[in-house]
Amino acid sequence: MALLPPFPALNLEHITLVRTAAQACDAWESLRQHPVWGFDTESKPTFFKDQVSDGPHVLQLATTDHAWVIQLHDADCRAEVARWLANPAHQKAGFGLGDDTKRLRRKLLVEPDGVVELNTLFRQRGYRREMGVKAAVAVLFGQRFAKSKKAATSNWAALNLSEQQVRYAANDAYAAAWVYAALQRGQAPVPPPAAAPTPAPQP
């Protein structure tokens, strides 16, 4: 897998950070036009036995060309997001979502509807082992999906997320959106387009 070409990750210009209810409403105007979203969450890690997480602290939703990284500190923002998750008209596709949905029930007091566990789709196609996003991207696209352990174990409850955190969170959901699209296509998958280069800063 390490020898595969890299998966073309989203650049920051294709990622929207959402912190307030007003920003969430703006995000909804785009998200509502898509019946399927890549879906994931992030929680601040716990380090002690019996320590209970109050996460998730971040929710990620993505289409095959954009991602929204939604911080869940604001109560009105959480209420808006809960409405989306309860809407069965939009499928939310991701990997290992059992814990995510359990925490969302507790945090947002909502039952997520339209959740699609991508591992289930792989099992239906004869894959016996749990795939995960890295293995799925390798199998479907012949590409290497890089995941930063430093970002994965960082403080997702922080009020100000780092650029590395935003990229990490967004691309987990973005890759899930592409994996679901490839599985639904039922034919040789088309890899994601190469990311446009970030313009060089002007002197």
N, C-alpha and C. Protein backbone atom coordinates (compact mmCIF):
# COMPACT_ATOMS: atom_id res chain seq x y z
N MET A 1 0.82 -1.20 0.00
CA MET A 1 0.00 0.00 0.00
C MET A 1 0.86 1.26 0.00
N ALA A 2 2.01 1.19 0.68
CA ALA A 2 2.88 2.35 0.78
C ALA A 2 3.43 2.78 -0.58
N LEU A 3 3.45 1.86 -1.55
CA LEU A 3 4.01 2.18 -2.87
C LEU A 3 2.98 2.76 -3.82
N LEU A 4 1.72 2.81 -3.41
CA LEU A 4 0.67 3.34 -4.29
C LEU A 4 0.77 4.86 -4.40
N PRO A 5 0.29 5.44 -5.49
CA PRO A 5 0.25 6.90 -5.59
C PRO A 5 -0.74 7.46 -4.57
N PRO A 6 -0.52 8.69 -4.12
CA PRO A 6 -1.37 9.24 -3.07
C PRO A 6 -2.79 9.56 -3.54
N PHE A 7 -3.72 9.37 -2.65
CA PHE A 7 -5.11 9.81 -2.87
C PHE A 7 -5.10 11.34 -2.92
N PRO A 8 -5.74 11.97 -3.92
CA PRO A 8 -5.73 13.43 -4.04
C PRO A 8 -6.65 14.09 -3.02
N ALA A 9 -6.09 14.51 -1.93
CA ALA A 9 -6.87 15.08 -0.84
C ALA A 9 -7.42 16.46 -1.20
N LEU A 10 -8.48 16.84 -0.50
CA LEU A 10 -9.06 18.17 -0.68
C LEU A 10 -8.11 19.24 -0.18
N ASN A 11 -8.04 20.34 -0.92
CA ASN A 11 -7.35 21.53 -0.45
C ASN A 11 -8.27 22.35 0.44
N LEU A 12 -7.69 23.29 1.17
CA LEU A 12 -8.48 24.10 2.11
C LEU A 12 -9.58 24.90 1.41
N GLU A 13 -9.35 25.27 0.15
CA GLU A 13 -10.37 26.07 -0.54
C GLU A 13 -11.64 25.27 -0.83
N HIS A 14 -11.57 23.94 -0.65
CA HIS A 14 -12.75 23.10 -0.84
C HIS A 14 -13.26 22.53 0.49
N ILE A 15 -12.86 23.17 1.57
CA ILE A 15 -13.28 22.77 2.91
C ILE A 15 -13.88 23.98 3.62
N THR A 16 -15.05 23.81 4.20
CA THR A 16 -15.69 24.89 4.94
C THR A 16 -15.75 24.53 6.42
N LEU A 17 -15.23 25.41 7.26
CA LEU A 17 -15.29 25.23 8.70
C LEU A 17 -16.56 25.89 9.23
N VAL A 18 -17.35 25.14 9.99
CA VAL A 18 -18.64 25.62 10.50
C VAL A 18 -18.59 25.65 12.02
N ARG A 19 -18.90 26.81 12.60
CA ARG A 19 -18.87 26.96 14.05
C ARG A 19 -20.18 27.47 14.64
N THR A 20 -20.99 28.16 13.83
CA THR A 20 -22.20 28.81 14.33
C THR A 20 -23.43 28.28 13.60
N ALA A 21 -24.60 28.59 14.17
CA ALA A 21 -25.85 28.18 13.52
C ALA A 21 -26.02 28.85 12.17
N ALA A 22 -25.60 30.12 12.06
CA ALA A 22 -25.72 30.82 10.78
C ALA A 22 -24.85 30.15 9.72
N GLN A 23 -23.64 29.76 10.10
CA GLN A 23 -22.77 29.05 9.16
C GLN A 23 -23.34 27.68 8.81
N ALA A 24 -23.98 27.04 9.78
CA ALA A 24 -24.60 25.74 9.52
C ALA A 24 -25.75 25.88 8.52
N CYS A 25 -26.52 26.94 8.64
CA CYS A 25 -27.62 27.17 7.69
C CYS A 25 -27.08 27.38 6.28
N ASP A 26 -25.96 28.09 6.17
CA ASP A 26 -25.33 28.27 4.86
C ASP A 26 -24.86 26.92 4.30
N ALA A 27 -24.28 26.10 5.17
CA ALA A 27 -23.81 24.78 4.74
C ALA A 27 -24.99 23.94 4.25
N TRP A 28 -26.10 24.03 4.94
CA TRP A 28 -27.28 23.24 4.57
C TRP A 28 -27.74 23.56 3.16
N GLU A 29 -27.64 24.81 2.75
CA GLU A 29 -28.09 25.18 1.41
C GLU A 29 -27.31 24.43 0.33
N SER A 30 -26.06 24.08 0.62
CA SER A 30 -25.28 23.27 -0.31
C SER A 30 -25.52 21.78 -0.10
N LEU A 31 -25.50 21.34 1.15
CA LEU A 31 -25.64 19.92 1.45
C LEU A 31 -26.99 19.36 1.02
N ARG A 32 -28.03 20.15 1.14
CA ARG A 32 -29.37 19.66 0.84
C ARG A 32 -29.55 19.26 -0.62
N GLN A 33 -28.65 19.73 -1.48
CA GLN A 33 -28.74 19.41 -2.90
C GLN A 33 -28.15 18.04 -3.24
N HIS A 34 -27.55 17.38 -2.24
CA HIS A 34 -26.89 16.09 -2.47
C HIS A 34 -27.56 15.00 -1.63
N PRO A 35 -27.96 13.89 -2.25
CA PRO A 35 -28.65 12.84 -1.51
C PRO A 35 -27.73 11.98 -0.65
N VAL A 36 -26.42 12.04 -0.91
CA VAL A 36 -25.45 11.21 -0.18
C VAL A 36 -24.32 12.08 0.34
N TRP A 37 -23.95 11.85 1.61
CA TRP A 37 -22.84 12.57 2.21
C TRP A 37 -21.83 11.57 2.78
N GLY A 38 -20.56 11.83 2.58
CA GLY A 38 -19.56 11.16 3.38
C GLY A 38 -19.69 11.65 4.81
N PHE A 39 -19.44 10.77 5.78
CA PHE A 39 -19.83 11.06 7.17
C PHE A 39 -18.78 10.52 8.12
N ASP A 40 -18.40 11.34 9.10
CA ASP A 40 -17.47 10.90 10.14
C ASP A 40 -17.56 11.87 11.31
N THR A 41 -16.99 11.49 12.44
CA THR A 41 -16.91 12.40 13.59
C THR A 41 -15.52 12.29 14.21
N GLU A 42 -15.19 13.29 15.01
CA GLU A 42 -13.94 13.27 15.78
C GLU A 42 -14.25 13.66 17.22
N SER A 43 -13.57 12.99 18.16
CA SER A 43 -13.73 13.27 19.58
C SER A 43 -12.37 13.45 20.23
N LYS A 44 -12.32 14.28 21.23
CA LYS A 44 -11.08 14.42 22.00
C LYS A 44 -10.73 13.06 22.60
N PRO A 45 -9.48 12.61 22.47
CA PRO A 45 -9.12 11.29 22.99
C PRO A 45 -9.25 11.21 24.51
N THR A 46 -9.52 10.03 25.00
CA THR A 46 -9.49 9.76 26.44
C THR A 46 -8.24 8.94 26.74
N PHE A 47 -7.64 9.18 27.90
CA PHE A 47 -6.35 8.57 28.21
C PHE A 47 -6.36 7.73 29.49
N PHE A 48 -7.49 7.72 30.21
CA PHE A 48 -7.54 7.00 31.48
C PHE A 48 -8.66 5.97 31.46
N LYS A 49 -8.46 4.90 32.19
CA LYS A 49 -9.47 3.86 32.30
C LYS A 49 -10.75 4.43 32.88
N ASP A 50 -11.87 4.05 32.31
CA ASP A 50 -13.22 4.48 32.73
C ASP A 50 -13.49 5.96 32.46
N GLN A 51 -12.56 6.65 31.77
CA GLN A 51 -12.82 8.04 31.40
C GLN A 51 -13.86 8.08 30.29
N VAL A 52 -14.90 8.88 30.45
CA VAL A 52 -15.99 8.96 29.48
C VAL A 52 -15.81 10.20 28.61
N SER A 53 -15.85 10.02 27.31
CA SER A 53 -15.73 11.14 26.39
C SER A 53 -17.04 11.91 26.31
N ASP A 54 -16.94 13.23 26.20
CA ASP A 54 -18.14 14.03 25.99
C ASP A 54 -18.27 14.42 24.51
N GLY A 55 -17.58 13.67 23.67
CA GLY A 55 -17.66 13.91 22.23
C GLY A 55 -18.92 13.31 21.62
N PRO A 56 -19.09 13.44 20.32
CA PRO A 56 -18.10 14.00 19.41
C PRO A 56 -18.03 15.52 19.51
N HIS A 57 -16.86 16.04 19.18
CA HIS A 57 -16.64 17.48 19.20
C HIS A 57 -16.66 18.06 17.80
N VAL A 58 -16.46 17.20 16.81
CA VAL A 58 -16.45 17.63 15.41
C VAL A 58 -17.23 16.61 14.59
N LEU A 59 -18.04 17.12 13.65
CA LEU A 59 -18.77 16.30 12.70
C LEU A 59 -18.32 16.69 11.30
N GLN A 60 -18.04 15.69 10.46
CA GLN A 60 -17.63 15.97 9.10
C GLN A 60 -18.65 15.41 8.12
N LEU A 61 -19.03 16.23 7.15
CA LEU A 61 -19.90 15.79 6.06
C LEU A 61 -19.25 16.23 4.76
N ALA A 62 -19.37 15.42 3.73
CA ALA A 62 -18.71 15.74 2.47
C ALA A 62 -19.47 15.21 1.28
N THR A 63 -19.33 15.91 0.17
CA THR A 63 -19.74 15.41 -1.14
C THR A 63 -18.45 15.00 -1.86
N THR A 64 -18.55 14.69 -3.14
CA THR A 64 -17.34 14.30 -3.87
C THR A 64 -16.56 15.51 -4.38
N ASP A 65 -16.91 16.71 -3.93
CA ASP A 65 -16.09 17.86 -4.30
C ASP A 65 -15.94 18.91 -3.19
N HIS A 66 -16.55 18.67 -2.03
CA HIS A 66 -16.44 19.65 -0.95
C HIS A 66 -16.70 18.96 0.38
N ALA A 67 -16.14 19.54 1.44
CA ALA A 67 -16.36 18.99 2.78
C ALA A 67 -16.65 20.13 3.76
N TRP A 68 -17.44 19.79 4.77
CA TRP A 68 -17.77 20.72 5.84
C TRP A 68 -17.32 20.11 7.16
N VAL A 69 -16.50 20.84 7.89
CA VAL A 69 -16.01 20.41 9.20
C VAL A 69 -16.75 21.25 10.23
N ILE A 70 -17.60 20.59 11.00
CA ILE A 70 -18.56 21.29 11.86
C ILE A 70 -18.18 21.08 13.33
N GLN A 71 -17.83 22.17 14.00
CA GLN A 71 -17.54 22.10 15.43
C GLN A 71 -18.85 22.18 16.21
N LEU A 72 -18.95 21.38 17.26
CA LEU A 72 -20.22 21.20 17.96
C LEU A 72 -20.26 21.88 19.33
N HIS A 73 -19.59 23.01 19.46
CA HIS A 73 -19.59 23.74 20.73
C HIS A 73 -20.88 24.54 20.94
N ASP A 74 -21.40 25.11 19.86
CA ASP A 74 -22.55 26.01 19.93
C ASP A 74 -23.86 25.22 19.94
N ALA A 75 -24.72 25.50 20.92
CA ALA A 75 -25.98 24.75 21.07
C ALA A 75 -26.89 24.89 19.86
N ASP A 76 -26.99 26.10 19.31
CA ASP A 76 -27.85 26.31 18.15
C ASP A 76 -27.30 25.60 16.91
N CYS A 77 -25.99 25.56 16.80
CA CYS A 77 -25.37 24.82 15.69
C CYS A 77 -25.67 23.33 15.84
N ARG A 78 -25.57 22.82 17.07
CA ARG A 78 -25.87 21.40 17.30
C ARG A 78 -27.31 21.07 16.94
N ALA A 79 -28.23 21.98 17.27
CA ALA A 79 -29.64 21.74 16.96
C ALA A 79 -29.87 21.68 15.46
N GLU A 80 -29.19 22.54 14.71
CA GLU A 80 -29.33 22.53 13.25
C GLU A 80 -28.78 21.23 12.66
N VAL A 81 -27.62 20.82 13.15
CA VAL A 81 -26.99 19.59 12.65
C VAL A 81 -27.84 18.37 13.00
N ALA A 82 -28.43 18.37 14.18
CA ALA A 82 -29.29 17.25 14.59
C ALA A 82 -30.44 17.07 13.61
N ARG A 83 -30.97 18.17 13.12
CA ARG A 83 -32.06 18.11 12.14
C ARG A 83 -31.60 17.41 10.86
N TRP A 84 -30.38 17.69 10.43
CA TRP A 84 -29.87 17.04 9.22
C TRP A 84 -29.72 15.54 9.43
N LEU A 85 -29.16 15.18 10.56
CA LEU A 85 -28.87 13.78 10.81
C LEU A 85 -30.14 12.94 10.92
N ALA A 86 -31.22 13.55 11.37
CA ALA A 86 -32.48 12.84 11.51
C ALA A 86 -33.24 12.72 10.20
N ASN A 87 -32.76 13.39 9.16
CA ASN A 87 -33.47 13.42 7.88
C ASN A 87 -33.11 12.18 7.06
N PRO A 88 -34.06 11.28 6.83
CA PRO A 88 -33.76 10.04 6.09
C PRO A 88 -33.56 10.26 4.60
N ALA A 89 -33.85 11.46 4.11
CA ALA A 89 -33.71 11.73 2.68
C ALA A 89 -32.25 11.82 2.25
N HIS A 90 -31.34 11.95 3.22
CA HIS A 90 -29.92 12.06 2.92
C HIS A 90 -29.18 10.90 3.56
N GLN A 91 -28.46 10.14 2.74
CA GLN A 91 -27.68 9.02 3.27
C GLN A 91 -26.34 9.54 3.77
N LYS A 92 -25.91 8.98 4.92
CA LYS A 92 -24.64 9.39 5.53
C LYS A 92 -23.74 8.17 5.56
N ALA A 93 -22.72 8.16 4.71
CA ALA A 93 -21.90 6.97 4.50
C ALA A 93 -20.52 7.12 5.13
N GLY A 94 -20.10 6.09 5.86
CA GLY A 94 -18.78 6.14 6.48
C GLY A 94 -18.37 4.78 7.00
N PHE A 95 -17.21 4.74 7.65
CA PHE A 95 -16.64 3.50 8.18
C PHE A 95 -16.70 3.48 9.70
N GLY A 96 -17.05 2.31 10.25
CA GLY A 96 -17.03 2.14 11.70
C GLY A 96 -17.93 3.13 12.42
N LEU A 97 -19.16 3.23 11.98
CA LEU A 97 -20.05 4.29 12.46
C LEU A 97 -20.82 3.92 13.72
N GLY A 98 -20.66 2.70 14.22
CA GLY A 98 -21.41 2.30 15.41
C GLY A 98 -21.15 3.21 16.60
N ASP A 99 -19.88 3.48 16.88
CA ASP A 99 -19.54 4.35 18.01
C ASP A 99 -19.93 5.79 17.72
N ASP A 100 -19.75 6.22 16.46
CA ASP A 100 -20.12 7.59 16.10
C ASP A 100 -21.60 7.86 16.37
N THR A 101 -22.47 6.94 15.91
CA THR A 101 -23.90 7.16 16.08
C THR A 101 -24.31 7.07 17.55
N LYS A 102 -23.65 6.20 18.30
CA LYS A 102 -23.94 6.10 19.73
C LYS A 102 -23.64 7.42 20.44
N ARG A 103 -22.49 8.00 20.12
CA ARG A 103 -22.12 9.27 20.75
C ARG A 103 -23.00 10.41 20.28
N LEU A 104 -23.39 10.38 19.01
CA LEU A 104 -24.27 11.44 18.51
C LEU A 104 -25.64 11.39 19.18
N ARG A 105 -26.15 10.19 19.45
CA ARG A 105 -27.42 10.09 20.17
C ARG A 105 -27.32 10.79 21.53
N ARG A 106 -26.22 10.57 22.20
CA ARG A 106 -26.04 11.15 23.53
C ARG A 106 -25.80 12.66 23.47
N LYS A 107 -25.00 13.08 22.49
CA LYS A 107 -24.60 14.48 22.40
C LYS A 107 -25.71 15.36 21.83
N LEU A 108 -26.36 14.90 20.77
CA LEU A 108 -27.33 15.71 20.05
C LEU A 108 -28.77 15.32 20.34
N LEU A 109 -28.95 14.25 21.11
CA LEU A 109 -30.30 13.78 21.45
C LEU A 109 -31.12 13.52 20.19
N VAL A 110 -30.49 12.83 19.24
CA VAL A 110 -31.14 12.54 17.96
C VAL A 110 -30.74 11.13 17.52
N GLU A 111 -31.64 10.48 16.80
CA GLU A 111 -31.34 9.18 16.20
C GLU A 111 -30.95 9.41 14.75
N PRO A 112 -29.66 9.28 14.40
CA PRO A 112 -29.27 9.48 13.01
C PRO A 112 -29.99 8.50 12.09
N ASP A 113 -30.52 9.00 11.00
CA ASP A 113 -31.25 8.18 10.03
C ASP A 113 -30.50 8.19 8.71
N GLY A 114 -30.69 7.14 7.92
CA GLY A 114 -30.02 7.06 6.63
C GLY A 114 -28.53 6.79 6.72
N VAL A 115 -28.09 6.19 7.84
CA VAL A 115 -26.67 5.90 8.03
C VAL A 115 -26.29 4.65 7.23
N VAL A 116 -25.21 4.74 6.46
CA VAL A 116 -24.73 3.63 5.63
C VAL A 116 -23.35 3.23 6.10
N GLU A 117 -23.23 2.04 6.68
CA GLU A 117 -21.94 1.53 7.11
C GLU A 117 -21.24 0.91 5.88
N LEU A 118 -20.15 1.52 5.47
CA LEU A 118 -19.48 1.06 4.24
C LEU A 118 -18.89 -0.33 4.39
N ASN A 119 -18.49 -0.71 5.60
CA ASN A 119 -18.01 -2.07 5.80
C ASN A 119 -19.08 -3.11 5.45
N THR A 120 -20.33 -2.78 5.73
CA THR A 120 -21.42 -3.69 5.38
C THR A 120 -21.51 -3.87 3.87
N LEU A 121 -21.34 -2.80 3.12
CA LEU A 121 -21.39 -2.90 1.65
C LEU A 121 -20.25 -3.75 1.12
N PHE A 122 -19.07 -3.62 1.74
CA PHE A 122 -17.95 -4.46 1.30
C PHE A 122 -18.21 -5.93 1.62
N ARG A 123 -18.78 -6.20 2.80
CA ARG A 123 -19.08 -7.60 3.14
C ARG A 123 -20.08 -8.19 2.16
N GLN A 124 -21.05 -7.39 1.73
CA GLN A 124 -22.03 -7.87 0.75
C GLN A 124 -21.38 -8.20 -0.59
N ARG A 125 -20.19 -7.64 -0.82
CA ARG A 125 -19.46 -7.90 -2.06
C ARG A 125 -18.36 -8.94 -1.87
N GLY A 126 -18.36 -9.62 -0.71
CA GLY A 126 -17.45 -10.73 -0.51
C GLY A 126 -16.20 -10.44 0.28
N TYR A 127 -16.01 -9.20 0.75
CA TYR A 127 -14.85 -8.88 1.56
C TYR A 127 -15.15 -9.26 3.00
N ARG A 128 -14.34 -10.12 3.59
CA ARG A 128 -14.64 -10.64 4.92
C ARG A 128 -14.04 -9.78 6.04
N ARG A 129 -12.96 -9.11 5.75
CA ARG A 129 -12.30 -8.32 6.79
C ARG A 129 -12.85 -6.90 6.81
N GLU A 130 -12.74 -6.25 7.97
CA GLU A 130 -13.10 -4.84 8.07
C GLU A 130 -12.16 -4.05 7.15
N MET A 131 -12.72 -3.16 6.35
CA MET A 131 -11.91 -2.47 5.37
C MET A 131 -11.26 -1.21 5.95
N GLY A 132 -12.07 -0.28 6.40
CA GLY A 132 -11.52 1.02 6.79
C GLY A 132 -11.22 1.84 5.55
N VAL A 133 -11.08 3.14 5.73
CA VAL A 133 -10.94 4.03 4.59
C VAL A 133 -9.64 3.79 3.84
N LYS A 134 -8.55 3.48 4.52
CA LYS A 134 -7.27 3.28 3.85
C LYS A 134 -7.31 2.07 2.92
N ALA A 135 -7.82 0.95 3.41
CA ALA A 135 -7.90 -0.25 2.59
C ALA A 135 -8.89 -0.07 1.44
N ALA A 136 -10.01 0.60 1.70
CA ALA A 136 -11.02 0.80 0.66
C ALA A 136 -10.48 1.64 -0.48
N VAL A 137 -9.77 2.71 -0.16
CA VAL A 137 -9.19 3.57 -1.19
C VAL A 137 -8.15 2.80 -2.00
N ALA A 138 -7.37 1.95 -1.33
CA ALA A 138 -6.37 1.15 -2.04
C ALA A 138 -7.04 0.16 -2.99
N VAL A 139 -8.10 -0.52 -2.53
CA VAL A 139 -8.77 -1.54 -3.34
C VAL A 139 -9.51 -0.91 -4.52
N LEU A 140 -10.24 0.17 -4.26
CA LEU A 140 -11.09 0.73 -5.30
C LEU A 140 -10.35 1.63 -6.28
N PHE A 141 -9.38 2.41 -5.77
CA PHE A 141 -8.74 3.42 -6.61
C PHE A 141 -7.26 3.17 -6.86
N GLY A 142 -6.68 2.18 -6.18
CA GLY A 142 -5.25 1.95 -6.34
C GLY A 142 -4.43 3.11 -5.83
N GLN A 143 -4.91 3.73 -4.74
CA GLN A 143 -4.25 4.91 -4.20
C GLN A 143 -4.01 4.74 -2.70
N ARG A 144 -3.09 5.53 -2.18
CA ARG A 144 -2.72 5.47 -0.76
C ARG A 144 -3.36 6.65 -0.03
N PHE A 145 -4.20 6.32 0.95
CA PHE A 145 -4.85 7.36 1.76
C PHE A 145 -4.03 7.55 3.03
N ALA A 146 -3.42 8.70 3.17
CA ALA A 146 -2.54 8.97 4.32
C ALA A 146 -3.37 9.49 5.49
N LYS A 147 -3.11 8.94 6.68
CA LYS A 147 -3.77 9.39 7.90
C LYS A 147 -2.69 9.73 8.94
N SER A 148 -2.78 10.93 9.48
CA SER A 148 -1.80 11.38 10.45
C SER A 148 -2.20 10.94 11.86
N LYS A 149 -1.34 10.15 12.50
CA LYS A 149 -1.62 9.73 13.87
C LYS A 149 -1.63 10.93 14.81
N LYS A 150 -0.76 11.90 14.53
CA LYS A 150 -0.71 13.11 15.37
C LYS A 150 -2.05 13.84 15.33
N ALA A 151 -2.62 13.99 14.13
CA ALA A 151 -3.91 14.66 14.01
C ALA A 151 -5.02 13.82 14.64
N ALA A 152 -4.97 12.51 14.43
CA ALA A 152 -6.02 11.63 14.94
C ALA A 152 -6.14 11.71 16.46
N THR A 153 -5.02 11.87 17.14
CA THR A 153 -5.02 11.87 18.61
C THR A 153 -4.89 13.28 19.18
N SER A 154 -5.18 14.28 18.37
CA SER A 154 -5.08 15.67 18.83
C SER A 154 -6.33 16.09 19.60
N ASN A 155 -6.34 17.31 20.10
CA ASN A 155 -7.46 17.80 20.91
C ASN A 155 -8.58 18.32 20.01
N TRP A 156 -9.55 17.47 19.74
CA TRP A 156 -10.67 17.85 18.89
C TRP A 156 -11.68 18.73 19.59
N ALA A 157 -11.52 18.91 20.90
CA ALA A 157 -12.42 19.81 21.64
C ALA A 157 -11.92 21.24 21.63
N ALA A 158 -10.77 21.49 21.03
CA ALA A 158 -10.21 22.85 20.99
C ALA A 158 -11.16 23.79 20.26
N LEU A 159 -11.22 25.03 20.73
CA LEU A 159 -12.07 26.03 20.07
C LEU A 159 -11.54 26.37 18.68
N ASN A 160 -10.23 26.39 18.54
CA ASN A 160 -9.61 26.71 17.26
C ASN A 160 -8.84 25.49 16.75
N LEU A 161 -9.36 24.88 15.71
CA LEU A 161 -8.70 23.71 15.14
C LEU A 161 -7.53 24.16 14.27
N SER A 162 -6.49 23.34 14.25
CA SER A 162 -5.34 23.63 13.40
C SER A 162 -5.68 23.30 11.95
N GLU A 163 -4.87 23.82 11.04
CA GLU A 163 -5.05 23.50 9.62
C GLU A 163 -4.92 22.00 9.39
N GLN A 164 -3.99 21.36 10.09
CA GLN A 164 -3.81 19.92 9.95
C GLN A 164 -5.06 19.16 10.39
N GLN A 165 -5.68 19.60 11.50
CA GLN A 165 -6.90 18.96 11.97
C GLN A 165 -8.03 19.11 10.95
N VAL A 166 -8.17 20.32 10.42
CA VAL A 166 -9.26 20.57 9.46
C VAL A 166 -9.10 19.70 8.22
N ARG A 167 -7.88 19.60 7.70
CA ARG A 167 -7.63 18.77 6.53
C ARG A 167 -7.91 17.30 6.84
N TYR A 168 -7.42 16.84 7.98
CA TYR A 168 -7.59 15.44 8.38
C TYR A 168 -9.08 15.09 8.46
N ALA A 169 -9.83 15.92 9.18
CA ALA A 169 -11.25 15.64 9.37
C ALA A 169 -12.01 15.67 8.05
N ALA A 170 -11.76 16.69 7.25
CA ALA A 170 -12.48 16.84 5.99
C ALA A 170 -12.23 15.67 5.06
N ASN A 171 -10.98 15.23 4.97
CA ASN A 171 -10.65 14.21 3.99
C ASN A 171 -11.13 12.82 4.39
N ASP A 172 -11.32 12.57 5.68
CA ASP A 172 -11.94 11.30 6.08
C ASP A 172 -13.35 11.19 5.49
N ALA A 173 -14.13 12.25 5.61
CA ALA A 173 -15.49 12.23 5.07
C ALA A 173 -15.49 12.27 3.55
N TYR A 174 -14.56 13.04 2.98
CA TYR A 174 -14.45 13.15 1.52
C TYR A 174 -14.13 11.80 0.89
N ALA A 175 -13.17 11.09 1.48
CA ALA A 175 -12.82 9.76 0.96
C ALA A 175 -14.01 8.81 1.06
N ALA A 176 -14.75 8.89 2.16
CA ALA A 176 -15.93 8.03 2.33
C ALA A 176 -16.96 8.31 1.25
N ALA A 177 -17.13 9.59 0.89
CA ALA A 177 -18.08 9.94 -0.18
C ALA A 177 -17.67 9.32 -1.50
N TRP A 178 -16.36 9.33 -1.80
CA TRP A 178 -15.88 8.74 -3.04
C TRP A 178 -16.00 7.21 -3.03
N VAL A 179 -15.72 6.60 -1.89
CA VAL A 179 -15.84 5.15 -1.79
C VAL A 179 -17.29 4.72 -2.02
N TYR A 180 -18.22 5.41 -1.40
CA TYR A 180 -19.64 5.07 -1.57
C TYR A 180 -20.06 5.24 -3.04
N ALA A 181 -19.60 6.33 -3.66
CA ALA A 181 -19.94 6.56 -5.07
C ALA A 181 -19.41 5.44 -5.95
N ALA A 182 -18.19 4.98 -5.67
CA ALA A 182 -17.60 3.89 -6.46
C ALA A 182 -18.36 2.59 -6.27
N LEU A 183 -18.75 2.29 -5.05
CA LEU A 183 -19.48 1.05 -4.78
C LEU A 183 -20.86 1.07 -5.43
N GLN A 184 -21.50 2.22 -5.44
CA GLN A 184 -22.83 2.33 -6.02
C GLN A 184 -22.78 2.31 -7.54
N ARG A 185 -21.64 2.69 -8.09
CA ARG A 185 -21.54 2.76 -9.55
C ARG A 185 -21.62 1.38 -10.17
N GLY A 186 -21.14 0.36 -9.44
CA GLY A 186 -21.27 -1.00 -9.91
C GLY A 186 -20.44 -1.32 -11.14
N GLN A 187 -19.38 -0.56 -11.33
CA GLN A 187 -18.50 -0.79 -12.48
C GLN A 187 -17.10 -0.39 -12.07
N ALA A 188 -16.15 -0.43 -13.00
CA ALA A 188 -14.79 -0.03 -12.67
C ALA A 188 -14.82 1.39 -12.11
N PRO A 189 -14.33 1.60 -10.89
CA PRO A 189 -14.43 2.92 -10.27
C PRO A 189 -13.56 3.96 -10.95
N VAL A 190 -14.06 5.17 -10.96
CA VAL A 190 -13.30 6.31 -11.48
C VAL A 190 -12.63 7.00 -10.30
N PRO A 191 -11.30 7.11 -10.30
CA PRO A 191 -10.63 7.72 -9.16
C PRO A 191 -11.01 9.19 -9.01
N PRO A 192 -10.89 9.71 -7.79
CA PRO A 192 -11.14 11.15 -7.60
C PRO A 192 -10.21 11.98 -8.46
N PRO A 193 -10.66 13.15 -8.90
CA PRO A 193 -9.79 14.01 -9.72
C PRO A 193 -8.63 14.53 -8.90
N ALA A 194 -7.52 14.76 -9.57
CA ALA A 194 -6.37 15.33 -8.87
C ALA A 194 -6.73 16.71 -8.34
N ALA A 195 -6.31 16.98 -7.11
CA ALA A 195 -6.63 18.27 -6.50
C ALA A 195 -5.91 19.38 -7.26
N ALA A 196 -6.62 20.48 -7.43
CA ALA A 196 -6.00 21.63 -8.08
C ALA A 196 -4.90 22.18 -7.19
N PRO A 197 -3.77 22.58 -7.77
CA PRO A 197 -2.69 23.09 -6.93
C PRO A 197 -3.10 24.38 -6.23
N THR A 198 -2.64 24.55 -5.02
CA THR A 198 -2.91 25.77 -4.28
C THR A 198 -2.11 26.91 -4.90
N PRO A 199 -2.75 28.04 -5.27
CA PRO A 199 -2.00 29.14 -5.89
C PRO A 199 -0.89 29.62 -4.97
N ALA A 200 0.24 29.96 -5.60
CA ALA A 200 1.36 30.50 -4.82
C ALA A 200 1.00 31.88 -4.33
N PRO A 201 1.42 32.25 -3.10
CA PRO A 201 1.13 33.58 -2.59
C PRO A 201 1.80 34.65 -3.42
N GLN A 202 1.11 35.75 -3.61
CA GLN A 202 1.66 36.85 -4.38
C GLN A 202 2.67 37.62 -3.54
N PRO A 203 3.76 38.03 -4.15
CA PRO A 203 4.77 38.78 -3.40
C PRO A 203 4.24 40.15 -2.98
